[in-house]
Structure formats: structure tokens, C-alpha cells
Amino acid sequence: MVLEKLPYQLTVCKVSDLSETDVGKQFCFIGRTEEEISVVCKMEEAPGNTIERDDGWRGFRIQGVLDFSMIGILSKLSGILAQCEIGIFAISTYNTDYILVKEENFERALNVLASEGYEVASIPTAG
């Protein structure tokens, strides 16, 4: 399984509403519940109406499209990192899973996962 490194720093924000969230940007995740609205985006693209934020995240995604019948992928990755006391912030999309770790743990997390047999690659850039 290949893990692709995201080439930018991320922030996790709580916003008052979505009026200042640019969903057209390259990387933007929104989680909305009856209690809050959360946005994960590049640090420099944090919405202006952010109430709280936690900067300094880096991430990687599982390469390719994961079929819904595939069980335990995120659990295995998070378990390996938990054993090394590396906390995660996980995001799942229709196609795949993203794992975010704090900047200071990023290279160590990738090295640990590589030692467990995962291939680590950079996301191909356009053009």
C-alpha cells in the first residue's frame, strides 16, 4: 500500500459559518454537526471567521480508491502510529483516507510506517 505525502501544512479550524470558507481551493474538508462547523485546509487559507484553530498539521493519503468492502485499513495505520505515541487526525472521503499528524511527528510517522512495509511517495505535481 502506498502512502502519498501532502506537500503543505494544514490547520484544523472551527468557524462560525461557511461564508468565508473557499471550497474551491485545492484542499478543503468541512465537517458540520449540530454543535460545530470544522474546516481543514492549508494554513495560509484559513477562513477569516475562524473561532478556534490548531495549526501545524501535515498529512498523507492512501493512494488510489479504496473500496468500501476493504476493512481495517485506517485502523491498522492508526494502531501502528498509536504504538509509537503519535496522535492522528483522520479524514475520510468517498475515495480514500487521509491521516494528519502534527508537523513535529510527520517524518517519524512516515518512517515508522515505512518500516512496517508501507511505501511512502510524494504526490505527483501537475505540469
Protein backbone atom coordinates (compact mmCIF):
# COMPACT_ATOMS: atom_id res chain seq x y z
CA MET A 1 0.00 0.00 0.00
CA VAL A 2 1.32 3.44 -0.97
CA LEU A 3 1.04 6.50 1.26
CA GLU A 4 1.27 9.85 -0.54
CA LYS A 5 2.69 12.84 1.37
CA LEU A 6 0.75 16.07 1.10
CA PRO A 7 3.19 18.89 0.28
CA TYR A 8 1.74 21.57 2.58
CA GLN A 9 0.99 22.47 6.19
CA LEU A 10 -2.60 22.24 7.35
CA THR A 11 -4.80 23.78 10.00
CA VAL A 12 -7.90 22.46 11.74
CA CYS A 13 -10.39 25.27 12.34
CA LYS A 14 -13.73 25.83 13.99
CA VAL A 15 -15.67 28.51 12.10
CA SER A 16 -18.81 30.49 12.90
CA ASP A 17 -20.30 29.75 9.46
CA LEU A 18 -19.14 28.82 5.95
CA SER A 19 -19.43 32.31 4.45
CA GLU A 20 -15.63 32.81 4.38
CA THR A 21 -14.67 29.24 3.50
CA ASP A 22 -13.43 28.88 -0.07
CA VAL A 23 -14.46 25.34 -1.00
CA GLY A 24 -12.88 25.85 -4.43
CA LYS A 25 -9.37 25.65 -3.00
CA GLN A 26 -7.18 22.61 -3.68
CA PHE A 27 -7.53 21.18 -0.16
CA CYS A 28 -10.62 21.83 1.95
CA PHE A 29 -12.60 19.48 4.18
CA ILE A 30 -15.75 20.53 6.00
CA GLY A 31 -17.43 18.75 8.86
CA ARG A 32 -20.73 20.12 10.07
CA THR A 33 -22.80 18.90 13.01
CA GLU A 34 -25.47 20.46 15.19
CA GLU A 35 -22.66 21.57 17.54
CA GLU A 36 -19.99 22.99 15.24
CA ILE A 37 -18.54 23.56 11.80
CA SER A 38 -14.96 22.37 11.29
CA VAL A 39 -12.72 23.15 8.34
CA VAL A 40 -9.39 21.53 7.49
CA CYS A 41 -7.37 23.49 4.94
CA LYS A 42 -3.92 24.82 4.11
CA MET A 43 -2.71 27.05 6.94
CA GLU A 44 -2.48 30.14 4.76
CA GLU A 45 -6.08 29.62 3.56
CA ALA A 46 -7.82 29.54 6.95
CA PRO A 47 -11.19 31.31 6.84
CA GLY A 48 -11.32 34.81 8.30
CA ASN A 49 -14.20 33.91 10.60
CA THR A 50 -12.26 31.20 12.41
CA ILE A 51 -13.21 30.95 16.08
CA GLU A 52 -10.51 28.45 17.08
CA ARG A 53 -7.70 26.80 15.15
CA ASP A 54 -4.89 24.31 15.59
CA ASP A 55 -2.04 24.88 13.13
CA GLY A 56 0.97 22.77 12.29
CA TRP A 57 -0.53 19.60 10.83
CA ARG A 58 0.97 17.59 7.96
CA GLY A 59 -0.74 14.76 6.17
CA PHE A 60 -0.67 11.84 3.83
CA ARG A 61 -3.31 9.88 1.97
CA ILE A 62 -3.69 6.29 0.98
CA GLN A 63 -3.05 6.14 -2.76
CA GLY A 64 -5.87 5.05 -5.02
CA VAL A 65 -9.55 4.41 -4.49
CA LEU A 66 -10.47 2.24 -1.52
CA ASP A 67 -13.46 0.02 -1.95
CA PHE A 68 -15.94 0.18 0.94
CA SER A 69 -15.54 -3.57 1.45
CA MET A 70 -11.90 -3.06 2.46
CA ILE A 71 -11.91 -3.31 6.24
CA GLY A 72 -9.36 -2.18 8.82
CA ILE A 73 -7.01 -0.04 6.72
CA LEU A 74 -7.35 3.10 8.82
CA SER A 75 -7.42 1.04 11.98
CA LYS A 76 -4.12 -0.65 11.16
CA LEU A 77 -2.37 2.60 10.27
CA SER A 78 -3.66 4.40 13.36
CA GLY A 79 -2.72 1.43 15.54
CA ILE A 80 0.87 1.46 14.31
CA LEU A 81 1.13 5.18 14.99
CA ALA A 82 -0.57 4.86 18.39
CA GLN A 83 2.04 2.29 19.45
CA CYS A 84 4.67 4.97 18.75
CA GLU A 85 2.61 7.57 20.65
CA ILE A 86 1.86 9.58 17.51
CA GLY A 87 -1.60 11.12 17.60
CA ILE A 88 -3.62 11.47 14.41
CA PHE A 89 -6.49 13.43 12.93
CA ALA A 90 -8.19 11.20 10.36
CA ILE A 91 -10.37 12.34 7.47
CA SER A 92 -12.19 10.00 5.14
CA THR A 93 -13.53 10.85 1.71
CA TYR A 94 -15.54 8.75 -0.69
CA ASN A 95 -12.34 7.54 -2.38
CA THR A 96 -9.74 7.27 0.36
CA ASP A 97 -8.50 8.17 3.83
CA TYR A 98 -6.21 11.00 4.92
CA ILE A 99 -4.15 10.90 8.09
CA LEU A 100 -2.86 14.11 9.63
CA VAL A 101 -0.17 14.26 12.28
CA LYS A 102 1.48 17.21 13.94
CA GLU A 103 4.45 18.63 11.99
CA GLU A 104 6.98 17.52 14.61
CA ASN A 105 5.84 13.89 14.23
CA PHE A 106 5.44 13.80 10.45
CA GLU A 107 8.78 12.33 9.33
CA ARG A 108 8.86 9.92 12.27
CA ALA A 109 5.33 8.72 11.41
CA LEU A 110 6.30 8.10 7.79
CA ASN A 111 9.50 6.30 8.84
CA VAL A 112 7.57 4.07 11.24
CA LEU A 113 5.01 3.20 8.57
CA ALA A 114 7.77 2.55 6.00
CA SER A 115 9.40 0.15 8.48
CA GLU A 116 6.05 -1.69 8.62
CA GLY A 117 6.08 -2.22 4.85
CA TYR A 118 4.17 0.83 3.58
CA GLU A 119 5.63 2.66 0.60
CA VAL A 120 5.88 6.43 1.03
CA ALA A 121 5.69 8.64 -2.04
CA SER A 122 5.18 12.29 -2.88
CA ILE A 123 2.02 13.37 -4.63
CA PRO A 124 2.79 13.96 -8.31
CA THR A 125 2.69 17.65 -9.20
CA ALA A 126 0.90 18.90 -12.29
CA GLY A 127 2.74 20.12 -15.30
